[in-house]
Protein backbone atom coordinates (compact mmCIF):
# COMPACT_ATOMS: atom_id res chain seq x y z
CA UNK A 1 66.34 61.02 34.33
CA UNK A 2 69.80 61.85 32.93
CA UNK A 3 70.61 61.93 29.23
CA UNK A 4 72.27 58.52 29.25
CA UNK A 5 69.29 56.88 30.89
CA UNK A 6 66.88 58.56 28.46
CA UNK A 7 68.93 57.45 25.44
CA UNK A 8 69.22 53.95 26.86
CA UNK A 9 65.47 53.83 27.39
CA UNK A 10 64.81 54.94 23.81
CA UNK A 11 67.31 52.34 22.51
CA UNK A 12 65.65 49.67 24.60
CA UNK A 13 62.16 50.52 23.31
CA UNK A 14 63.29 50.59 19.70
CA UNK A 15 64.97 47.26 20.20
CA UNK A 16 61.80 45.80 21.66
CA UNK A 17 59.79 47.05 18.72
CA UNK A 18 62.24 45.61 16.20
CA UNK A 19 62.32 42.30 17.99
CA UNK A 20 58.54 42.18 18.13
CA UNK A 21 58.33 43.05 14.41
CA UNK A 22 60.83 40.35 13.46
CA UNK A 23 59.05 37.82 15.65
CA UNK A 24 55.73 38.75 14.06
CA UNK A 25 57.14 38.36 10.55
CA UNK A 26 58.67 35.03 11.44
CA UNK A 27 55.34 33.87 12.82
CA UNK A 28 53.58 35.04 9.64
CA UNK A 29 56.11 33.23 7.46
CA UNK A 30 55.76 30.12 9.58
CA UNK A 31 51.97 30.33 9.33
CA UNK A 32 52.13 30.86 5.58
CA UNK A 33 54.41 27.87 5.26
CA UNK A 34 51.77 25.59 6.78
CA UNK A 35 49.94 23.49 4.12
CA UNK A 36 46.47 24.80 3.25
CA UNK A 37 43.76 22.13 3.23
CA UNK A 38 41.94 22.07 -0.14
CA UNK A 39 38.46 20.65 0.01
CA UNK A 40 37.81 18.05 -2.68
CA UNK A 41 34.55 18.49 -4.57
CA UNK A 42 31.81 16.14 -3.40
CA UNK A 43 31.83 12.78 -5.16
CA UNK A 44 28.62 12.33 -7.12
CA UNK A 45 26.97 8.91 -6.75
CA UNK A 46 27.25 6.86 -9.95
CA UNK A 47 24.32 6.88 -12.34
CA UNK A 48 22.57 3.61 -13.10
CA UNK A 49 23.76 4.45 -16.59
CA UNK A 50 24.55 7.67 -18.40
CA UNK A 51 21.68 6.88 -20.77
CA UNK A 52 18.59 4.95 -19.63
CA UNK A 53 16.23 4.20 -22.49
CA UNK A 54 13.89 1.46 -21.18
CA UNK A 55 12.03 0.93 -17.89
CA UNK A 56 9.82 -2.08 -17.12
CA UNK A 57 8.22 -3.72 -14.07
CA UNK A 58 7.77 -7.49 -14.07
CA UNK A 59 4.98 -9.40 -12.37
CA UNK A 60 7.10 -9.92 -9.26
CA UNK A 61 7.43 -6.17 -8.89
CA UNK A 62 11.08 -6.00 -9.95
CA UNK A 63 12.08 -2.95 -11.96
CA UNK A 64 14.26 -3.45 -15.04
CA UNK A 65 16.30 -0.62 -16.54
CA UNK A 66 17.59 -0.96 -20.09
CA UNK A 67 20.62 1.19 -20.86
CA UNK A 68 22.24 2.49 -23.99
CA UNK A 69 25.58 0.81 -23.38
CA UNK A 70 25.64 -1.00 -20.03
CA UNK A 71 23.22 -3.83 -20.71
CA UNK A 72 20.24 -4.19 -18.39
CA UNK A 73 19.89 -4.04 -14.61
CA UNK A 74 17.22 -5.26 -12.19
CA UNK A 75 16.13 -3.63 -8.94
CA UNK A 76 14.30 -5.94 -6.52
CA UNK A 77 13.50 -3.28 -3.94
CA UNK A 78 16.80 -3.69 -2.12
CA UNK A 79 19.68 -3.99 -4.56
CA UNK A 80 20.67 -3.56 -8.20
CA UNK A 81 21.99 -6.41 -10.31
CA UNK A 82 23.56 -5.70 -13.71
CA UNK A 83 23.50 -8.11 -16.63
CA UNK A 84 25.98 -7.51 -19.44
CA UNK A 85 27.60 -9.60 -22.13
CA UNK A 86 29.85 -11.00 -19.38
CA UNK A 87 26.76 -12.57 -17.78
CA UNK A 88 25.47 -13.86 -21.12
CA UNK A 89 23.28 -10.92 -22.10
CA UNK A 90 23.06 -10.50 -25.86
CA UNK A 91 23.99 -6.85 -26.38
CA UNK A 92 24.99 -3.53 -24.89
CA UNK A 93 22.01 -1.29 -25.76
CA UNK A 94 18.42 -2.17 -24.77
CA UNK A 95 15.53 -0.84 -26.86
CA UNK A 96 12.59 -2.88 -25.62
CA UNK A 97 11.52 -5.06 -22.66
CA UNK A 98 8.47 -7.34 -22.33
CA UNK A 99 7.42 -10.31 -20.20
CA UNK A 100 5.47 -13.21 -21.66
CA UNK A 101 2.67 -15.25 -20.08
CA UNK A 102 5.15 -17.82 -18.77
CA UNK A 103 7.11 -15.12 -16.94
CA UNK A 104 10.07 -15.09 -19.31
CA UNK A 105 11.71 -11.72 -19.89
CA UNK A 106 12.52 -10.60 -23.43
CA UNK A 107 14.91 -7.81 -24.41
CA UNK A 108 15.44 -6.05 -27.73
CA UNK A 109 19.14 -5.25 -28.03
CA UNK A 110 21.66 -3.91 -30.49
CA UNK A 111 22.80 -7.51 -31.03
CA UNK A 112 19.64 -9.54 -31.32
CA UNK A 113 16.93 -10.65 -28.88
CA UNK A 114 17.75 -11.92 -25.38
CA UNK A 115 15.40 -14.11 -23.34
CA UNK A 116 15.88 -14.45 -19.58
CA UNK A 117 14.41 -17.52 -17.92
CA UNK A 118 15.33 -19.23 -14.64
CA UNK A 119 18.52 -17.21 -14.30
CA UNK A 120 19.83 -17.95 -17.81
CA UNK A 121 19.95 -16.00 -21.06
CA UNK A 122 19.11 -17.39 -24.49
CA UNK A 123 20.13 -15.13 -27.38
CA UNK A 124 18.59 -14.99 -30.85
CA UNK A 125 20.30 -13.43 -33.88
CA UNK A 126 20.04 -13.52 -37.66
CA UNK A 127 21.01 -17.17 -37.43
CA UNK A 128 17.63 -17.74 -35.76
CA UNK A 129 15.63 -15.97 -38.46
CA UNK A 130 15.93 -12.31 -37.47
CA UNK A 131 16.15 -10.01 -40.48
CA UNK A 132 19.00 -8.17 -38.72
CA UNK A 133 20.68 -8.27 -35.33
CA UNK A 134 20.00 -4.64 -34.47
CA UNK A 135 16.53 -4.50 -32.85
CA UNK A 136 14.65 -1.20 -32.46
CA UNK A 137 11.24 -2.21 -31.08
CA UNK A 138 9.44 -5.10 -29.39
CA UNK A 139 5.81 -5.99 -28.66
CA UNK A 140 3.70 -8.87 -27.33
CA UNK A 141 0.23 -8.99 -28.88
CA UNK A 142 -2.90 -10.22 -27.10
CA UNK A 143 -2.42 -13.76 -28.33
CA UNK A 144 1.11 -13.82 -26.89
CA UNK A 145 3.01 -13.55 -30.16
CA UNK A 146 6.30 -11.68 -29.88
CA UNK A 147 7.00 -9.07 -32.55
CA UNK A 148 10.29 -7.27 -33.14
CA UNK A 149 11.31 -4.44 -35.43
CA UNK A 150 14.81 -4.98 -36.75
CA UNK A 151 17.10 -2.79 -38.80
CA UNK A 152 15.93 -4.66 -41.89
CA UNK A 153 12.24 -5.29 -41.22
CA UNK A 154 9.63 -6.72 -38.83
CA UNK A 155 9.71 -10.33 -37.57
CA UNK A 156 7.45 -12.46 -35.37
CA UNK A 157 8.44 -15.40 -33.19
CA UNK A 158 6.79 -18.78 -33.79
CA UNK A 159 8.11 -20.33 -30.59
CA UNK A 160 11.35 -21.53 -32.10
CA UNK A 161 12.44 -19.13 -34.82
CA UNK A 162 11.74 -15.62 -36.04
CA UNK A 163 9.81 -15.26 -39.29
CA UNK A 164 9.79 -12.15 -41.51
CA UNK A 165 6.62 -10.06 -41.69
CA UNK A 166 7.06 -7.73 -44.68
CA UNK A 167 5.52 -4.26 -44.46
CA UNK A 168 4.20 -2.45 -47.54
CA UNK A 169 6.39 0.14 -49.25
CA UNK A 170 4.90 3.49 -50.22
CA UNK A 171 6.02 6.58 -52.09
CA UNK A 172 6.26 9.74 -49.99
CA UNK A 173 7.02 13.34 -50.79
CA UNK A 174 10.57 14.37 -49.86
CA UNK A 175 11.73 10.93 -48.61
CA UNK A 176 13.82 11.03 -45.44
CA UNK A 177 15.11 8.28 -43.13
CA UNK A 178 17.67 7.91 -40.39
CA UNK A 179 18.42 4.35 -41.50
CA UNK A 180 15.83 2.85 -43.87
CA UNK A 181 12.02 2.68 -44.22
CA UNK A 182 12.39 -1.03 -43.46
CA UNK A 183 13.00 -0.11 -39.81
CA UNK A 184 10.00 -0.18 -37.46
CA UNK A 185 10.88 2.12 -34.57
CA UNK A 186 7.53 1.54 -32.83
CA UNK A 187 4.74 -1.05 -32.68
CA UNK A 188 1.27 -1.07 -31.13
CA UNK A 189 -1.86 -3.20 -30.84
CA UNK A 190 -4.93 -0.95 -30.60
CA UNK A 191 -8.29 -1.52 -28.93
CA UNK A 192 -9.61 -3.25 -32.06
CA UNK A 193 -6.72 -5.70 -32.17
CA UNK A 194 -5.17 -3.96 -35.16
CA UNK A 195 -1.38 -3.89 -35.32
CA UNK A 196 0.46 -0.64 -35.97
CA UNK A 197 4.03 -0.22 -37.20
CA UNK A 198 5.84 3.13 -37.16
CA UNK A 199 8.48 3.28 -39.86
CA UNK A 200 11.64 5.24 -40.47
CA UNK A 201 10.41 7.43 -43.30
CA UNK A 202 7.22 5.92 -44.71
CA UNK A 203 4.72 6.80 -42.00
CA UNK A 204 2.63 4.34 -39.98
CA UNK A 205 1.06 1.11 -41.23
CA UNK A 206 -2.07 -0.39 -39.66
CA UNK A 207 -2.74 -4.11 -40.18
CA UNK A 208 -6.28 -5.36 -39.53
CA UNK A 209 -5.39 -9.03 -39.96
CA UNK A 210 -6.07 -9.03 -43.70
CA UNK A 211 -4.75 -5.80 -45.22
CA UNK A 212 -2.70 -2.70 -44.51
CA UNK A 213 -3.71 0.95 -44.30
CA UNK A 214 -0.85 3.45 -44.47
CA UNK A 215 -0.81 6.95 -42.99
CA UNK A 216 1.74 9.50 -44.16
CA UNK A 217 1.86 13.29 -44.36
CA UNK A 218 -0.37 12.97 -47.42
CA UNK A 219 -3.14 11.69 -45.11
CA UNK A 220 -2.48 14.36 -42.47
CA UNK A 221 0.24 12.76 -40.35
CA UNK A 222 2.68 15.28 -38.87
CA UNK A 223 5.82 13.50 -40.09
CA UNK A 224 6.83 10.34 -41.93
CA UNK A 225 9.67 9.34 -39.57
CA UNK A 226 7.55 7.71 -36.85
CA UNK A 227 9.30 7.10 -33.52
CA UNK A 228 6.41 6.37 -31.15
CA UNK A 229 2.86 4.97 -31.04
CA UNK A 230 0.34 4.95 -28.20
CA UNK A 231 -3.40 4.31 -27.87
CA UNK A 232 -5.28 6.27 -25.19
CA UNK A 233 -8.29 5.29 -23.08
CA UNK A 234 -10.64 6.83 -25.65
CA UNK A 235 -9.37 4.57 -28.43
CA UNK A 236 -7.45 7.33 -30.18
CA UNK A 237 -3.98 6.60 -31.55
CA UNK A 238 -1.14 9.05 -30.94
CA UNK A 239 1.77 9.03 -33.38
CA UNK A 240 5.02 10.79 -32.52
CA UNK A 241 7.33 11.73 -35.36
CA UNK A 242 10.94 12.81 -35.61
CA UNK A 243 10.47 16.43 -36.62
CA UNK A 244 6.73 16.68 -37.20
CA UNK A 245 5.45 16.78 -33.63
CA UNK A 246 2.74 14.41 -32.39
CA UNK A 247 -0.44 13.55 -34.28
CA UNK A 248 -3.66 12.19 -32.77
CA UNK A 249 -5.89 10.03 -34.95
CA UNK A 250 -9.52 10.14 -33.87
CA UNK A 251 -11.53 8.05 -36.30
CA UNK A 252 -10.36 9.37 -39.65
CA UNK A 253 -9.23 12.78 -38.45
CA UNK A 254 -5.70 13.83 -37.56
CA UNK A 255 -4.90 16.61 -35.09
CA UNK A 256 -1.22 17.52 -34.91
CA UNK A 257 0.52 19.33 -32.05
CA UNK A 258 3.89 21.03 -32.46
CA UNK A 259 6.08 23.54 -30.64
CA UNK A 260 3.68 26.21 -31.85
CA UNK A 261 1.05 24.65 -29.58
CA UNK A 262 3.37 24.30 -26.59
CA UNK A 263 5.15 21.00 -27.28
CA UNK A 264 8.76 21.11 -26.06
CA UNK A 265 10.18 19.79 -29.32
CA UNK A 266 8.83 18.39 -32.57
CA UNK A 267 11.04 15.29 -32.16
CA UNK A 268 8.77 12.98 -30.14
CA UNK A 269 10.40 9.68 -29.16
CA UNK A 270 7.97 8.20 -26.63
CA UNK A 271 4.35 8.69 -25.56
CA UNK A 272 2.55 7.69 -22.35
CA UNK A 273 -0.92 8.17 -20.93
CA UNK A 274 -0.76 8.31 -17.11
CA UNK A 275 -3.42 7.26 -14.62
CA UNK A 276 -4.90 10.74 -14.60
CA UNK A 277 -5.39 10.62 -18.37
CA UNK A 278 -2.61 13.11 -19.08
CA UNK A 279 -0.47 12.50 -22.15
CA UNK A 280 3.31 12.65 -21.82
CA UNK A 281 5.66 13.22 -24.74
CA UNK A 282 9.39 12.47 -24.58
CA UNK A 283 11.49 14.65 -26.84
CA UNK A 284 15.00 14.83 -28.15
CA UNK A 285 16.70 17.93 -26.80
CA UNK A 286 13.80 19.50 -24.90
CA UNK A 287 12.97 17.21 -21.99
CA UNK A 288 9.40 16.01 -21.50
CA UNK A 289 6.04 17.66 -22.10
CA UNK A 290 2.73 16.86 -20.35
CA UNK A 291 -0.62 17.57 -22.00
CA UNK A 292 -3.76 17.68 -19.85
CA UNK A 293 -6.14 18.00 -22.77
CA UNK A 294 -6.04 21.78 -22.67
CA UNK A 295 -2.49 23.02 -22.13
CA UNK A 296 1.10 21.84 -22.28
CA UNK A 297 3.60 21.81 -19.38
CA UNK A 298 7.33 21.34 -20.02
CA UNK A 299 9.71 19.44 -17.76
CA UNK A 300 13.41 20.03 -18.31
CA UNK A 301 16.56 21.28 -16.62
CA UNK A 302 14.65 23.72 -14.42
CA UNK A 303 12.63 20.82 -13.00
CA UNK A 304 15.76 18.75 -12.25
CA UNK A 305 16.66 17.04 -15.52
CA UNK A 306 20.40 16.52 -16.03
CA UNK A 307 22.08 17.15 -19.36
CA UNK A 308 25.36 15.26 -19.63
CA UNK A 309 28.20 15.72 -22.06
CA UNK A 310 28.61 12.26 -23.54
CA UNK A 311 28.60 11.75 -27.32
CA UNK A 312 25.11 11.54 -28.76
CA UNK A 313 24.04 7.95 -29.56
CA UNK A 314 22.74 9.03 -32.96
CA UNK A 315 26.29 8.62 -34.25
CA UNK A 316 26.92 12.23 -35.21
CA UNK A 317 29.95 12.52 -32.94
CA UNK A 318 28.52 15.65 -31.31
CA UNK A 319 27.72 16.10 -27.63
CA UNK A 320 24.15 15.57 -26.50
CA UNK A 321 23.43 19.23 -25.90
CA UNK A 322 24.80 20.27 -29.29
CA UNK A 323 23.32 17.53 -31.43
CA UNK A 324 19.54 17.55 -31.37
CA UNK A 325 18.69 20.69 -29.50
CA UNK A 326 19.80 23.17 -26.88
CA UNK A 327 20.37 21.99 -23.33
CA UNK A 328 16.96 20.53 -22.44
CA UNK A 329 17.97 16.89 -22.34
CA UNK A 330 16.91 13.83 -24.28
CA UNK A 331 14.05 11.75 -22.87
CA UNK A 332 13.42 8.41 -24.55
CA UNK A 333 11.28 6.53 -22.05
CA UNK A 334 8.27 6.86 -19.77
CA UNK A 335 6.98 4.16 -17.48
CA UNK A 336 4.32 4.25 -14.76
CA UNK A 337 4.73 1.44 -12.25
CA UNK A 338 2.00 -0.28 -10.24
CA UNK A 339 2.44 2.18 -7.37
CA UNK A 340 1.79 5.09 -9.70
CA UNK A 341 5.42 6.24 -9.84
CA UNK A 342 6.31 7.86 -13.15
CA UNK A 343 9.82 7.01 -14.36
CA UNK A 344 11.76 8.80 -17.09
CA UNK A 345 14.74 7.34 -18.91
CA UNK A 346 16.99 10.13 -20.11
CA UNK A 347 20.36 11.08 -21.52
CA UNK A 348 21.38 12.14 -18.01
CA UNK A 349 20.32 8.93 -16.25
CA UNK A 350 17.15 7.72 -14.51
CA UNK A 351 14.57 10.14 -13.13
CA UNK A 352 11.42 9.95 -11.02
CA UNK A 353 8.61 12.48 -11.02
CA UNK A 354 7.86 13.86 -7.55
CA UNK A 355 5.16 16.48 -7.65
CA UNK A 356 6.22 18.86 -10.39
CA UNK A 357 9.94 18.08 -10.10
CA UNK A 358 12.24 15.41 -11.49
CA UNK A 359 14.49 13.54 -9.04
CA UNK A 360 17.65 11.84 -10.29
CA UNK A 361 17.72 8.21 -9.08
CA UNK A 362 21.29 6.92 -8.98
CA UNK A 363 22.68 3.56 -7.93
CA UNK A 364 22.40 4.88 -4.38
CA UNK A 365 18.78 6.02 -4.79
CA UNK A 366 16.61 7.63 -3.63
CA UNK A 367 14.19 4.77 -4.29
CA UNK A 368 10.45 5.19 -3.71
CA UNK A 369 8.80 3.02 -1.09
CA UNK A 370 7.20 -0.03 -2.63
CA UNK A 371 3.52 -0.23 -1.74
CA UNK A 372 2.45 -3.20 -3.85
CA UNK A 373 3.68 -6.76 -4.01
CA UNK A 374 3.71 -9.19 -6.94
CA UNK A 375 1.04 -8.68 -9.56
CA UNK A 376 -2.29 -9.84 -8.26
CA UNK A 377 -1.09 -10.03 -4.64
CA UNK A 378 -2.57 -6.68 -3.61
CA UNK A 379 -1.00 -4.07 -1.41
CA UNK A 380 1.53 -5.03 1.20
């Protein structure tokens, strides 16, 4: 090969390399200019409500869920129906649900008492005898009388109007209340037919039909701000307090359990005895705790509970997780349905116990299979 041919060959090869390099760069620029698809985060199914505080099953098998701001909704096994003030419901927050002998549904709300009958709501307020429109508890006694605990005292329904039922006032050491000792946060009828009223700062009152007996910290109660009452199958009464743990009254003797014994929190807002005889305690800020008679087992975030970031309903203005306790979640309701499903109403929505885990039930489910029909109809 002569010199000219060799130089031409080298020039040709260099030119090819340059062209290839430029083409590659152009291709890279073109590729970089293509839009990059960004994957949107998965859309979470909507909660039944961000705060579920009441669960109830009526005699037809329908489940009712009382919320802290979205009224009440009913699940018939196939679909959810919401009832709010737009549909004639009395309030926004639901703090109690019962069904009377005639099948009428009654709801304790933040704006009076609502009765649901034949597809219509009838609402009762202070104009109908209630001591106040804000209702905190509700109970039907064995004779069918409806009792409600209002912001300003206890009332009973005579079939047409609500009549006041004054509770005794007592002196306590270091008085403390969220609202007023006139408030009855919890009510109970025990195995003897005695009525119990848990007050906001003056302990628990027991009424035997003729006179009252009052239990405060002076008598051994764990705390005077009583949030929950429950009688177990042995006739013992459990009293949950806001800050003093849970106390069990057996005859005349109190036994109190606190975080030192394994309770998740000393702020006990609801109590349930399940079919197995285990006691469940709902707490503010520390999820739920189960007691089998020997040891305590906690259920919180690690078991599936959700802690949301909405403002705490106590009115402090703080977020849930910062208000009453670190990140364990608020539980304010337990309910065991006729199929044995255990429901929890929480600050993160509605939950169902499956084994040793908590499953979040949203408006899209998952719903447990219904195994029983209307009350008294037997299994399907």
